[in-house]
Amino acid sequence: MDAIIKKFPDSRGDAAVERPTREQAEAAVEVLIRWAGDDPAREGLRETPARVAKSYEELFGGYRMDAGAVLGRTFEEVGGYDDMVLLRDIDFHSHCEHHMVPIIGKAHVAYLPSGRVLGLSKISRVVDIFARRLQTQEKMTVQIAAAIEDVLRPRGVAVVLEAEHLCMAMRGVRTKGSTTVTTSFHGVFADDREERDRVLSTIWRGA
């Protein structure tokens, strides 16, 4: 059994946890179906454990991806451009680490280059990597900003996430339509109020 259990990094990227086999995952889904009060042997649920395990591989694929590797390639030929680069309205889907219920939102990511720039698709991919893990919105915001700062070393990084948490809409207080906003500012965006206001006004102007 131990020989077929793989390991993958946790959300901090500095540890490893044992990954159960597909069969163990499917068995766990069967247990949850029974606990919910249904029969996993009935026709509509027979294939559900396999489908859930397969979907989890996609929904939580971020554990097996390295943000640093995605951001590793940068470009220095920028024609003298040194002003803000902003990618706005990046759709993401994540899951609350407390209830494993979806978080649906948009990310806005900006940075001030210091000689090097990123391919725009790399920014979207980094958002997706951290979204495809069990998350809190606050932690995800910090992770995206830190990954870009660590690799690119820009003059500033700003990350703003807007999201609806279905753990609030579907359970508990059942508040529908409320949006949570989190921010992380590094470098110039943290130190210079005018630069911070500029990036925020640019984001909201297009919202």
N, C-alpha and C. Protein backbone atom coordinates (compact mmCIF):
# COMPACT_ATOMS: atom_id res chain seq x y z
N MET A 1 0.82 -1.20 0.00
CA MET A 1 0.00 0.00 0.00
C MET A 1 0.86 1.26 0.00
N ASP A 2 1.87 1.33 0.89
CA ASP A 2 2.70 2.52 0.97
C ASP A 2 3.40 2.84 -0.34
N ALA A 3 3.70 1.79 -1.09
CA ALA A 3 4.45 1.99 -2.34
C ALA A 3 3.64 2.75 -3.38
N ILE A 4 2.30 2.68 -3.29
CA ILE A 4 1.49 3.34 -4.31
C ILE A 4 0.89 4.65 -3.83
N ILE A 5 1.19 5.04 -2.60
CA ILE A 5 0.72 6.33 -2.10
C ILE A 5 1.72 7.41 -2.52
N LYS A 6 1.24 8.36 -3.30
CA LYS A 6 2.11 9.43 -3.77
C LYS A 6 2.07 10.59 -2.80
N LYS A 7 3.01 11.51 -2.96
CA LYS A 7 3.04 12.68 -2.09
C LYS A 7 2.98 13.93 -2.94
N PHE A 8 2.36 14.97 -2.40
CA PHE A 8 2.30 16.24 -3.11
C PHE A 8 2.37 17.36 -2.09
N PRO A 9 2.83 18.55 -2.50
CA PRO A 9 3.02 19.65 -1.55
C PRO A 9 1.71 20.22 -1.06
N ASP A 10 1.70 20.70 0.18
CA ASP A 10 0.51 21.35 0.70
C ASP A 10 0.47 22.79 0.22
N SER A 11 -0.51 23.56 0.69
CA SER A 11 -0.73 24.91 0.16
C SER A 11 0.41 25.85 0.49
N ARG A 12 1.25 25.52 1.45
CA ARG A 12 2.40 26.38 1.75
C ARG A 12 3.58 26.07 0.86
N GLY A 13 3.56 24.91 0.22
CA GLY A 13 4.64 24.54 -0.68
C GLY A 13 5.91 24.10 0.03
N ASP A 14 5.86 23.91 1.36
CA ASP A 14 7.08 23.56 2.08
C ASP A 14 6.93 22.25 2.85
N ALA A 15 5.91 21.48 2.54
CA ALA A 15 5.70 20.21 3.23
C ALA A 15 5.03 19.24 2.27
N ALA A 16 4.86 18.01 2.70
CA ALA A 16 4.20 17.02 1.85
C ALA A 16 3.23 16.23 2.70
N VAL A 17 2.12 15.84 2.09
CA VAL A 17 1.15 14.99 2.76
C VAL A 17 0.94 13.77 1.89
N GLU A 18 0.56 12.68 2.52
CA GLU A 18 0.35 11.45 1.76
C GLU A 18 -0.94 11.55 0.97
N ARG A 19 -0.85 11.17 -0.30
CA ARG A 19 -2.02 11.20 -1.16
C ARG A 19 -2.59 9.79 -1.26
N PRO A 20 -3.85 9.60 -0.85
CA PRO A 20 -4.45 8.27 -0.95
C PRO A 20 -4.57 7.83 -2.41
N THR A 21 -4.82 6.55 -2.59
CA THR A 21 -5.05 6.01 -3.93
C THR A 21 -6.43 6.43 -4.42
N ARG A 22 -6.65 6.27 -5.73
CA ARG A 22 -7.96 6.55 -6.30
C ARG A 22 -9.04 5.69 -5.64
N GLU A 23 -8.72 4.43 -5.41
CA GLU A 23 -9.69 3.52 -4.79
C GLU A 23 -10.08 4.00 -3.39
N GLN A 24 -9.10 4.49 -2.62
CA GLN A 24 -9.41 5.00 -1.29
C GLN A 24 -10.28 6.25 -1.36
N ALA A 25 -10.01 7.09 -2.34
CA ALA A 25 -10.82 8.30 -2.50
C ALA A 25 -12.27 7.95 -2.85
N GLU A 26 -12.43 7.00 -3.75
CA GLU A 26 -13.78 6.59 -4.14
C GLU A 26 -14.53 5.97 -2.97
N ALA A 27 -13.82 5.19 -2.16
CA ALA A 27 -14.45 4.58 -0.98
C ALA A 27 -14.91 5.66 0.00
N ALA A 28 -14.13 6.71 0.13
CA ALA A 28 -14.50 7.80 1.03
C ALA A 28 -15.76 8.50 0.55
N VAL A 29 -15.90 8.67 -0.77
CA VAL A 29 -17.11 9.29 -1.31
C VAL A 29 -18.32 8.42 -1.02
N GLU A 30 -18.16 7.11 -1.15
CA GLU A 30 -19.27 6.20 -0.83
C GLU A 30 -19.72 6.37 0.62
N VAL A 31 -18.76 6.51 1.53
CA VAL A 31 -19.09 6.71 2.93
C VAL A 31 -19.88 8.00 3.11
N LEU A 32 -19.47 9.07 2.44
CA LEU A 32 -20.18 10.35 2.56
C LEU A 32 -21.60 10.26 2.00
N ILE A 33 -21.77 9.52 0.92
CA ILE A 33 -23.12 9.35 0.36
C ILE A 33 -24.02 8.65 1.37
N ARG A 34 -23.49 7.59 1.99
CA ARG A 34 -24.28 6.88 3.01
C ARG A 34 -24.56 7.77 4.20
N TRP A 35 -23.55 8.56 4.60
CA TRP A 35 -23.73 9.46 5.75
C TRP A 35 -24.79 10.51 5.46
N ALA A 36 -24.86 10.95 4.19
CA ALA A 36 -25.87 11.94 3.81
C ALA A 36 -27.28 11.35 3.81
N GLY A 37 -27.36 10.00 3.76
CA GLY A 37 -28.65 9.34 3.85
C GLY A 37 -29.11 8.66 2.58
N ASP A 38 -28.22 8.48 1.62
CA ASP A 38 -28.61 7.86 0.36
C ASP A 38 -27.84 6.55 0.17
N ASP A 39 -28.22 5.84 -0.89
CA ASP A 39 -27.65 4.53 -1.17
C ASP A 39 -26.69 4.63 -2.35
N PRO A 40 -25.38 4.47 -2.15
CA PRO A 40 -24.43 4.58 -3.26
C PRO A 40 -24.59 3.48 -4.30
N ALA A 41 -25.39 2.46 -3.99
CA ALA A 41 -25.59 1.36 -4.93
C ALA A 41 -26.75 1.63 -5.90
N ARG A 42 -27.55 2.65 -5.64
CA ARG A 42 -28.66 2.91 -6.56
C ARG A 42 -28.14 3.46 -7.88
N GLU A 43 -28.95 3.32 -8.93
CA GLU A 43 -28.48 3.57 -10.28
C GLU A 43 -27.86 4.96 -10.46
N GLY A 44 -28.49 5.97 -9.96
CA GLY A 44 -28.00 7.33 -10.17
C GLY A 44 -26.70 7.66 -9.45
N LEU A 45 -26.32 6.84 -8.47
CA LEU A 45 -25.14 7.12 -7.67
C LEU A 45 -24.01 6.11 -7.87
N ARG A 46 -24.23 5.09 -8.69
CA ARG A 46 -23.22 4.03 -8.82
C ARG A 46 -21.87 4.57 -9.31
N GLU A 47 -21.90 5.49 -10.24
CA GLU A 47 -20.66 6.02 -10.81
C GLU A 47 -20.20 7.30 -10.12
N THR A 48 -20.97 7.78 -9.14
CA THR A 48 -20.65 9.05 -8.50
C THR A 48 -19.29 9.05 -7.80
N PRO A 49 -18.92 8.03 -7.03
CA PRO A 49 -17.60 8.06 -6.41
C PRO A 49 -16.46 8.22 -7.41
N ALA A 50 -16.53 7.53 -8.54
CA ALA A 50 -15.49 7.65 -9.56
C ALA A 50 -15.50 9.04 -10.18
N ARG A 51 -16.70 9.58 -10.43
CA ARG A 51 -16.80 10.91 -11.01
C ARG A 51 -16.26 11.98 -10.06
N VAL A 52 -16.57 11.84 -8.78
CA VAL A 52 -16.10 12.82 -7.80
C VAL A 52 -14.58 12.79 -7.69
N ALA A 53 -14.00 11.59 -7.64
CA ALA A 53 -12.54 11.48 -7.56
C ALA A 53 -11.89 12.11 -8.79
N LYS A 54 -12.46 11.86 -9.96
CA LYS A 54 -11.91 12.45 -11.19
C LYS A 54 -12.04 13.96 -11.19
N SER A 55 -13.18 14.47 -10.74
CA SER A 55 -13.37 15.93 -10.71
C SER A 55 -12.44 16.59 -9.69
N TYR A 56 -12.16 15.90 -8.58
CA TYR A 56 -11.26 16.46 -7.58
C TYR A 56 -9.84 16.61 -8.13
N GLU A 57 -9.44 15.70 -9.01
CA GLU A 57 -8.12 15.84 -9.62
C GLU A 57 -8.00 17.15 -10.37
N GLU A 58 -9.10 17.57 -11.00
CA GLU A 58 -9.09 18.84 -11.74
C GLU A 58 -9.29 20.03 -10.80
N LEU A 59 -10.28 19.94 -9.93
CA LEU A 59 -10.61 21.06 -9.05
C LEU A 59 -9.47 21.40 -8.09
N PHE A 60 -8.70 20.40 -7.67
CA PHE A 60 -7.61 20.62 -6.73
C PHE A 60 -6.25 20.32 -7.35
N GLY A 61 -6.17 20.50 -8.66
CA GLY A 61 -4.92 20.27 -9.37
C GLY A 61 -3.81 21.24 -9.01
N GLY A 62 -4.15 22.32 -8.33
CA GLY A 62 -3.15 23.30 -7.95
C GLY A 62 -2.10 22.79 -6.99
N TYR A 63 -2.43 21.73 -6.25
CA TYR A 63 -1.45 21.15 -5.33
C TYR A 63 -0.28 20.51 -6.07
N ARG A 64 -0.51 20.16 -7.32
CA ARG A 64 0.53 19.49 -8.09
C ARG A 64 1.17 20.42 -9.12
N MET A 65 0.96 21.71 -8.95
CA MET A 65 1.56 22.70 -9.84
C MET A 65 2.41 23.68 -9.04
N ASP A 66 3.48 24.15 -9.63
CA ASP A 66 4.44 25.03 -8.97
C ASP A 66 4.34 26.42 -9.57
N ALA A 67 3.88 27.38 -8.76
CA ALA A 67 3.73 28.75 -9.26
C ALA A 67 5.06 29.34 -9.68
N GLY A 68 6.12 29.01 -8.95
CA GLY A 68 7.44 29.53 -9.29
C GLY A 68 7.89 29.08 -10.66
N ALA A 69 7.60 27.82 -11.00
CA ALA A 69 7.98 27.31 -12.31
C ALA A 69 7.20 27.99 -13.42
N VAL A 70 5.92 28.26 -13.17
CA VAL A 70 5.08 28.94 -14.16
C VAL A 70 5.59 30.35 -14.42
N LEU A 71 6.04 31.02 -13.35
CA LEU A 71 6.50 32.40 -13.48
C LEU A 71 7.97 32.50 -13.88
N GLY A 72 8.63 31.36 -14.03
CA GLY A 72 10.07 31.37 -14.22
C GLY A 72 10.56 32.10 -15.45
N ARG A 73 9.80 32.09 -16.53
CA ARG A 73 10.25 32.75 -17.76
C ARG A 73 9.73 34.18 -17.79
N THR A 74 10.64 35.14 -17.87
CA THR A 74 10.29 36.54 -17.97
C THR A 74 10.94 37.15 -19.21
N PHE A 75 10.53 38.37 -19.54
CA PHE A 75 11.02 39.03 -20.75
C PHE A 75 11.67 40.37 -20.38
N GLU A 76 12.85 40.61 -20.93
CA GLU A 76 13.57 41.85 -20.64
C GLU A 76 13.42 42.89 -21.76
N GLU A 77 13.07 42.46 -22.95
CA GLU A 77 12.92 43.39 -24.07
C GLU A 77 11.53 44.02 -24.01
N VAL A 78 11.43 45.12 -23.27
CA VAL A 78 10.14 45.77 -23.05
C VAL A 78 10.08 47.15 -23.68
N GLY A 79 11.08 47.51 -24.47
CA GLY A 79 11.06 48.80 -25.17
C GLY A 79 11.05 49.99 -24.25
N GLY A 80 11.62 49.85 -23.07
CA GLY A 80 11.67 50.97 -22.13
C GLY A 80 10.43 51.12 -21.27
N TYR A 81 9.46 50.23 -21.42
CA TYR A 81 8.22 50.35 -20.64
C TYR A 81 8.48 50.07 -19.17
N ASP A 82 8.04 50.97 -18.30
CA ASP A 82 8.27 50.76 -16.87
C ASP A 82 7.07 51.19 -16.03
N ASP A 83 5.90 51.32 -16.66
CA ASP A 83 4.70 51.72 -15.91
C ASP A 83 3.91 50.48 -15.51
N MET A 84 2.78 50.71 -14.88
CA MET A 84 1.98 49.63 -14.31
C MET A 84 1.48 48.67 -15.38
N VAL A 85 1.52 47.38 -15.05
CA VAL A 85 0.89 46.33 -15.85
C VAL A 85 -0.24 45.77 -15.00
N LEU A 86 -1.45 45.80 -15.52
CA LEU A 86 -2.62 45.36 -14.76
C LEU A 86 -3.43 44.36 -15.58
N LEU A 87 -3.67 43.20 -15.00
CA LEU A 87 -4.57 42.22 -15.59
C LEU A 87 -5.81 42.18 -14.70
N ARG A 88 -6.93 42.56 -15.28
CA ARG A 88 -8.15 42.75 -14.50
C ARG A 88 -9.18 41.69 -14.85
N ASP A 89 -10.05 41.40 -13.88
CA ASP A 89 -11.20 40.51 -14.09
C ASP A 89 -10.79 39.09 -14.50
N ILE A 90 -9.85 38.51 -13.77
CA ILE A 90 -9.46 37.12 -13.99
C ILE A 90 -10.44 36.24 -13.22
N ASP A 91 -11.26 35.51 -13.93
CA ASP A 91 -12.23 34.62 -13.26
C ASP A 91 -11.51 33.48 -12.55
N PHE A 92 -11.97 33.15 -11.35
CA PHE A 92 -11.43 31.98 -10.65
C PHE A 92 -12.53 31.28 -9.86
N HIS A 93 -12.31 30.00 -9.65
CA HIS A 93 -13.17 29.18 -8.80
C HIS A 93 -12.28 28.46 -7.81
N SER A 94 -12.59 28.58 -6.54
CA SER A 94 -11.82 27.90 -5.51
C SER A 94 -12.78 27.19 -4.57
N HIS A 95 -12.25 26.65 -3.48
CA HIS A 95 -13.08 25.98 -2.49
C HIS A 95 -12.65 26.39 -1.08
N CYS A 96 -13.62 26.74 -0.28
CA CYS A 96 -13.38 27.13 1.11
C CYS A 96 -12.77 25.97 1.88
N GLU A 97 -11.67 26.22 2.57
CA GLU A 97 -11.01 25.14 3.30
C GLU A 97 -11.75 24.73 4.56
N HIS A 98 -12.74 25.52 4.96
CA HIS A 98 -13.50 25.18 6.16
C HIS A 98 -14.69 24.27 5.86
N HIS A 99 -15.33 24.47 4.69
CA HIS A 99 -16.53 23.69 4.38
C HIS A 99 -16.43 22.97 3.03
N MET A 100 -15.36 23.21 2.28
CA MET A 100 -15.17 22.62 0.95
C MET A 100 -16.32 22.98 0.01
N VAL A 101 -16.80 24.20 0.13
CA VAL A 101 -17.86 24.74 -0.71
C VAL A 101 -17.23 25.78 -1.63
N PRO A 102 -17.75 25.96 -2.85
CA PRO A 102 -17.09 26.85 -3.81
C PRO A 102 -16.98 28.32 -3.38
N ILE A 103 -15.90 28.92 -3.83
CA ILE A 103 -15.67 30.37 -3.80
C ILE A 103 -15.57 30.79 -5.26
N ILE A 104 -16.38 31.75 -5.67
CA ILE A 104 -16.41 32.17 -7.08
C ILE A 104 -16.11 33.66 -7.14
N GLY A 105 -15.10 34.03 -7.94
CA GLY A 105 -14.76 35.45 -7.94
C GLY A 105 -13.90 35.88 -9.10
N LYS A 106 -13.37 37.08 -8.95
CA LYS A 106 -12.47 37.69 -9.92
C LYS A 106 -11.22 38.19 -9.21
N ALA A 107 -10.10 38.07 -9.91
CA ALA A 107 -8.83 38.57 -9.38
C ALA A 107 -8.35 39.71 -10.28
N HIS A 108 -7.75 40.71 -9.64
CA HIS A 108 -7.11 41.81 -10.35
C HIS A 108 -5.66 41.86 -9.86
N VAL A 109 -4.71 41.76 -10.79
CA VAL A 109 -3.30 41.67 -10.42
C VAL A 109 -2.53 42.74 -11.18
N ALA A 110 -1.75 43.54 -10.45
CA ALA A 110 -0.94 44.59 -11.07
C ALA A 110 0.48 44.55 -10.53
N TYR A 111 1.43 44.98 -11.37
CA TYR A 111 2.79 45.12 -10.89
C TYR A 111 3.48 46.25 -11.64
N LEU A 112 4.51 46.81 -11.03
CA LEU A 112 5.36 47.83 -11.64
C LEU A 112 6.68 47.17 -12.00
N PRO A 113 6.99 47.02 -13.29
CA PRO A 113 8.19 46.28 -13.70
C PRO A 113 9.47 46.93 -13.22
N SER A 114 10.46 46.08 -13.06
CA SER A 114 11.81 46.55 -12.77
C SER A 114 12.76 45.87 -13.75
N GLY A 115 12.57 46.20 -15.02
CA GLY A 115 13.43 45.65 -16.06
C GLY A 115 12.92 44.40 -16.73
N ARG A 116 12.00 43.67 -16.08
CA ARG A 116 11.48 42.44 -16.65
C ARG A 116 9.95 42.42 -16.54
N VAL A 117 9.30 41.75 -17.50
CA VAL A 117 7.85 41.61 -17.45
C VAL A 117 7.49 40.14 -17.61
N LEU A 118 6.25 39.83 -17.23
CA LEU A 118 5.71 38.48 -17.36
C LEU A 118 4.80 38.39 -18.57
N GLY A 119 4.74 37.21 -19.18
CA GLY A 119 3.68 36.97 -20.15
C GLY A 119 2.34 37.04 -19.43
N LEU A 120 1.36 37.69 -20.05
CA LEU A 120 0.09 37.93 -19.36
C LEU A 120 -0.59 36.63 -18.96
N SER A 121 -0.45 35.59 -19.76
CA SER A 121 -1.09 34.33 -19.41
C SER A 121 -0.50 33.73 -18.13
N LYS A 122 0.74 34.07 -17.82
CA LYS A 122 1.37 33.54 -16.61
C LYS A 122 0.66 34.02 -15.36
N ILE A 123 0.20 35.27 -15.39
CA ILE A 123 -0.51 35.82 -14.23
C ILE A 123 -1.80 35.06 -14.01
N SER A 124 -2.55 34.83 -15.08
CA SER A 124 -3.80 34.06 -14.96
C SER A 124 -3.54 32.66 -14.45
N ARG A 125 -2.46 32.05 -14.91
CA ARG A 125 -2.15 30.68 -14.48
C ARG A 125 -1.79 30.63 -13.01
N VAL A 126 -1.10 31.64 -12.51
CA VAL A 126 -0.75 31.66 -11.09
C VAL A 126 -2.01 31.80 -10.24
N VAL A 127 -2.93 32.66 -10.65
CA VAL A 127 -4.20 32.76 -9.95
C VAL A 127 -4.89 31.40 -9.92
N ASP A 128 -4.90 30.72 -11.05
CA ASP A 128 -5.57 29.43 -11.16
C ASP A 128 -4.90 28.37 -10.28
N ILE A 129 -3.58 28.39 -10.21
CA ILE A 129 -2.86 27.41 -9.38
C ILE A 129 -3.29 27.52 -7.93
N PHE A 130 -3.29 28.74 -7.40
CA PHE A 130 -3.64 28.90 -5.99
C PHE A 130 -5.15 28.73 -5.75
N ALA A 131 -5.96 29.02 -6.77
CA ALA A 131 -7.40 28.81 -6.63
C ALA A 131 -7.74 27.34 -6.54
N ARG A 132 -6.97 26.49 -7.24
CA ARG A 132 -7.27 25.07 -7.27
C ARG A 132 -6.68 24.34 -6.07
N ARG A 133 -6.88 24.94 -4.91
CA ARG A 133 -6.50 24.34 -3.63
C ARG A 133 -7.58 24.71 -2.62
N LEU A 134 -7.62 24.00 -1.51
CA LEU A 134 -8.51 24.42 -0.42
C LEU A 134 -7.97 25.73 0.12
N GLN A 135 -8.83 26.75 0.20
CA GLN A 135 -8.32 28.09 0.44
C GLN A 135 -9.17 28.89 1.42
N THR A 136 -8.55 29.93 1.96
CA THR A 136 -9.26 31.10 2.44
C THR A 136 -8.92 32.21 1.44
N GLN A 137 -9.83 33.13 1.25
CA GLN A 137 -9.58 34.20 0.28
C GLN A 137 -8.39 35.04 0.70
N GLU A 138 -8.26 35.26 2.01
CA GLU A 138 -7.15 36.08 2.51
C GLU A 138 -5.80 35.44 2.16
N LYS A 139 -5.70 34.13 2.40
CA LYS A 139 -4.44 33.43 2.14
C LYS A 139 -4.12 33.41 0.65
N MET A 140 -5.14 33.18 -0.16
CA MET A 140 -4.93 33.13 -1.60
C MET A 140 -4.43 34.47 -2.13
N THR A 141 -4.95 35.56 -1.60
CA THR A 141 -4.53 36.90 -2.01
C THR A 141 -3.04 37.09 -1.75
N VAL A 142 -2.61 36.72 -0.55
CA VAL A 142 -1.21 36.86 -0.17
C VAL A 142 -0.31 35.95 -1.00
N GLN A 143 -0.77 34.72 -1.26
CA GLN A 143 0.05 33.78 -2.02
C GLN A 143 0.32 34.27 -3.44
N ILE A 144 -0.68 34.82 -4.10
CA ILE A 144 -0.50 35.32 -5.46
C ILE A 144 0.51 36.46 -5.48
N ALA A 145 0.35 37.41 -4.55
CA ALA A 145 1.27 38.55 -4.51
C ALA A 145 2.69 38.11 -4.19
N ALA A 146 2.84 37.20 -3.23
CA ALA A 146 4.17 36.76 -2.84
C ALA A 146 4.88 36.00 -3.96
N ALA A 147 4.12 35.19 -4.71
CA ALA A 147 4.73 34.42 -5.80
C ALA A 147 5.28 35.36 -6.88
N ILE A 148 4.52 36.38 -7.23
CA ILE A 148 4.97 37.33 -8.25
C ILE A 148 6.16 38.13 -7.75
N GLU A 149 6.11 38.57 -6.50
CA GLU A 149 7.22 39.35 -5.96
C GLU A 149 8.50 38.50 -5.88
N ASP A 150 8.38 37.27 -5.45
CA ASP A 150 9.56 36.42 -5.29
C ASP A 150 10.28 36.16 -6.60
N VAL A 151 9.52 35.98 -7.67
CA VAL A 151 10.12 35.62 -8.95
C VAL A 151 10.53 36.84 -9.76
N LEU A 152 9.64 37.85 -9.83
CA LEU A 152 9.87 38.98 -10.72
C LEU A 152 10.67 40.10 -10.07
N ARG A 153 10.60 40.24 -8.75
CA ARG A 153 11.24 41.34 -8.02
C ARG A 153 10.87 42.69 -8.64
N PRO A 154 9.58 42.96 -8.81
CA PRO A 154 9.16 44.24 -9.38
C PRO A 154 9.24 45.35 -8.34
N ARG A 155 8.99 46.57 -8.78
CA ARG A 155 8.96 47.70 -7.84
C ARG A 155 7.72 47.68 -6.96
N GLY A 156 6.70 46.99 -7.41
CA GLY A 156 5.48 46.89 -6.61
C GLY A 156 4.55 45.82 -7.16
N VAL A 157 3.76 45.23 -6.28
CA VAL A 157 2.74 44.25 -6.66
C VAL A 157 1.45 44.59 -5.92
N ALA A 158 0.34 44.51 -6.63
CA ALA A 158 -0.97 44.71 -6.01
C ALA A 158 -1.90 43.59 -6.45
N VAL A 159 -2.56 42.95 -5.50
CA VAL A 159 -3.52 41.90 -5.79
C VAL A 159 -4.83 42.21 -5.08
N VAL A 160 -5.91 42.20 -5.83
CA VAL A 160 -7.25 42.42 -5.26
C VAL A 160 -8.14 41.27 -5.70
N LEU A 161 -8.78 40.61 -4.74
CA LEU A 161 -9.73 39.55 -5.05
C LEU A 161 -11.13 39.96 -4.60
N GLU A 162 -12.10 39.72 -5.47
CA GLU A 162 -13.51 39.90 -5.14
C GLU A 162 -14.18 38.54 -5.31
N ALA A 163 -14.90 38.07 -4.30
CA ALA A 163 -15.48 36.73 -4.43
C ALA A 163 -16.74 36.57 -3.59
N GLU A 164 -17.60 35.68 -4.07
CA GLU A 164 -18.76 35.25 -3.30
C GLU A 164 -18.45 33.87 -2.73
N HIS A 165 -18.73 33.71 -1.45
CA HIS A 165 -18.47 32.46 -0.75
C HIS A 165 -19.78 31.70 -0.59
N LEU A 166 -19.90 30.57 -1.26
CA LEU A 166 -21.15 29.83 -1.20
C LEU A 166 -21.39 29.17 0.15
N CYS A 167 -20.35 29.11 0.99
CA CYS A 167 -20.58 28.62 2.35
C CYS A 167 -21.47 29.59 3.12
N MET A 168 -21.49 30.87 2.69
CA MET A 168 -22.41 31.84 3.29
C MET A 168 -23.76 31.83 2.59
N ALA A 169 -23.77 31.56 1.29
CA ALA A 169 -25.01 31.61 0.52
C ALA A 169 -25.85 30.34 0.69
N MET A 170 -25.20 29.18 0.88
CA MET A 170 -25.89 27.91 0.89
C MET A 170 -26.15 27.36 2.29
N ARG A 171 -25.43 27.88 3.30
CA ARG A 171 -25.55 27.34 4.65
C ARG A 171 -25.40 28.49 5.64
N GLY A 172 -25.53 28.18 6.92
CA GLY A 172 -25.32 29.20 7.94
C GLY A 172 -26.29 30.36 7.79
N VAL A 173 -25.75 31.56 7.63
CA VAL A 173 -26.59 32.77 7.54
C VAL A 173 -27.33 32.85 6.22
N ARG A 174 -26.89 32.10 5.20
CA ARG A 174 -27.53 32.06 3.88
C ARG A 174 -27.69 33.45 3.28
N THR A 175 -26.60 34.17 3.27
CA THR A 175 -26.57 35.51 2.69
C THR A 175 -26.14 35.41 1.23
N LYS A 176 -27.07 35.68 0.33
CA LYS A 176 -26.80 35.55 -1.10
C LYS A 176 -26.34 36.89 -1.69
N GLY A 177 -25.38 36.80 -2.61
CA GLY A 177 -24.98 37.98 -3.36
C GLY A 177 -23.95 38.87 -2.68
N SER A 178 -23.56 38.56 -1.45
CA SER A 178 -22.55 39.39 -0.79
C SER A 178 -21.17 39.07 -1.36
N THR A 179 -20.33 40.09 -1.44
CA THR A 179 -19.00 39.94 -2.02
C THR A 179 -17.95 40.30 -0.99
N THR A 180 -16.92 39.47 -0.89
CA THR A 180 -15.78 39.74 -0.02
C THR A 180 -14.63 40.27 -0.87
N VAL A 181 -13.99 41.35 -0.41
CA VAL A 181 -12.86 41.95 -1.12
C VAL A 181 -11.63 41.86 -0.23
N THR A 182 -10.54 41.33 -0.77
CA THR A 182 -9.27 41.27 -0.04
C THR A 182 -8.17 41.87 -0.91
N THR A 183 -7.16 42.43 -0.26
CA THR A 183 -6.07 43.09 -0.99
C THR A 183 -4.72 42.71 -0.40
N SER A 184 -3.70 42.77 -1.24
CA SER A 184 -2.32 42.61 -0.80
C SER A 184 -1.46 43.54 -1.62
N PHE A 185 -0.73 44.44 -0.94
CA PHE A 185 0.12 45.42 -1.62
C PHE A 185 1.56 45.23 -1.17
N HIS A 186 2.47 45.24 -2.14
CA HIS A 186 3.90 45.13 -1.86
C HIS A 186 4.64 46.27 -2.54
N GLY A 187 5.78 46.62 -2.00
CA GLY A 187 6.65 47.61 -2.62
C GLY A 187 6.00 48.97 -2.72
N VAL A 188 6.08 49.57 -3.91
CA VAL A 188 5.57 50.92 -4.11
C VAL A 188 4.09 51.02 -3.78
N PHE A 189 3.32 49.99 -4.11
CA PHE A 189 1.88 50.04 -3.84
C PHE A 189 1.58 50.04 -2.35
N ALA A 190 2.48 49.51 -1.55
CA ALA A 190 2.30 49.54 -0.10
C ALA A 190 2.78 50.85 0.50
N ASP A 191 3.83 51.43 -0.09
CA ASP A 191 4.48 52.60 0.51
C ASP A 191 3.95 53.94 0.00
N ASP A 192 3.42 53.95 -1.21
CA ASP A 192 3.03 55.21 -1.84
C ASP A 192 1.51 55.25 -1.99
N ARG A 193 0.86 56.12 -1.23
CA ARG A 193 -0.61 56.19 -1.25
C ARG A 193 -1.14 56.55 -2.63
N GLU A 194 -0.45 57.42 -3.34
CA GLU A 194 -0.91 57.81 -4.66
C GLU A 194 -0.88 56.64 -5.64
N GLU A 195 0.18 55.85 -5.58
CA GLU A 195 0.27 54.68 -6.46
C GLU A 195 -0.80 53.65 -6.10
N ARG A 196 -1.04 53.47 -4.82
CA ARG A 196 -2.08 52.54 -4.39
C ARG A 196 -3.46 53.01 -4.87
N ASP A 197 -3.72 54.30 -4.72
CA ASP A 197 -5.00 54.85 -5.19
C ASP A 197 -5.12 54.72 -6.71
N ARG A 198 -4.01 54.88 -7.41
CA ARG A 198 -4.04 54.80 -8.87
C ARG A 198 -4.41 53.39 -9.33
N VAL A 199 -3.82 52.37 -8.73
CA VAL A 199 -4.13 51.02 -9.16
C VAL A 199 -5.57 50.66 -8.79
N LEU A 200 -6.02 51.08 -7.62
CA LEU A 200 -7.38 50.77 -7.21
C LEU A 200 -8.41 51.47 -8.09
N SER A 201 -8.14 52.73 -8.42
CA SER A 201 -9.09 53.46 -9.28
C SER A 201 -9.12 52.85 -10.68
N THR A 202 -7.99 52.35 -11.16
CA THR A 202 -7.95 51.71 -12.47
C THR A 202 -8.74 50.40 -12.45
N ILE A 203 -8.64 49.66 -11.36
CA ILE A 203 -9.40 48.41 -11.24
C ILE A 203 -10.89 48.70 -11.19
N TRP A 204 -11.30 49.59 -10.31
CA TRP A 204 -12.74 49.82 -10.10
C TRP A 204 -13.37 50.56 -11.27
N ARG A 205 -12.59 51.34 -11.99
CA ARG A 205 -13.13 52.07 -13.13
C ARG A 205 -13.65 51.11 -14.20
N GLY A 206 -13.04 49.95 -14.27
CA GLY A 206 -13.46 48.99 -15.28
C GLY A 206 -14.38 47.92 -14.74
N ALA A 207 -14.73 48.03 -13.44
CA ALA A 207 -15.56 46.98 -12.83
C ALA A 207 -17.00 47.05 -13.31
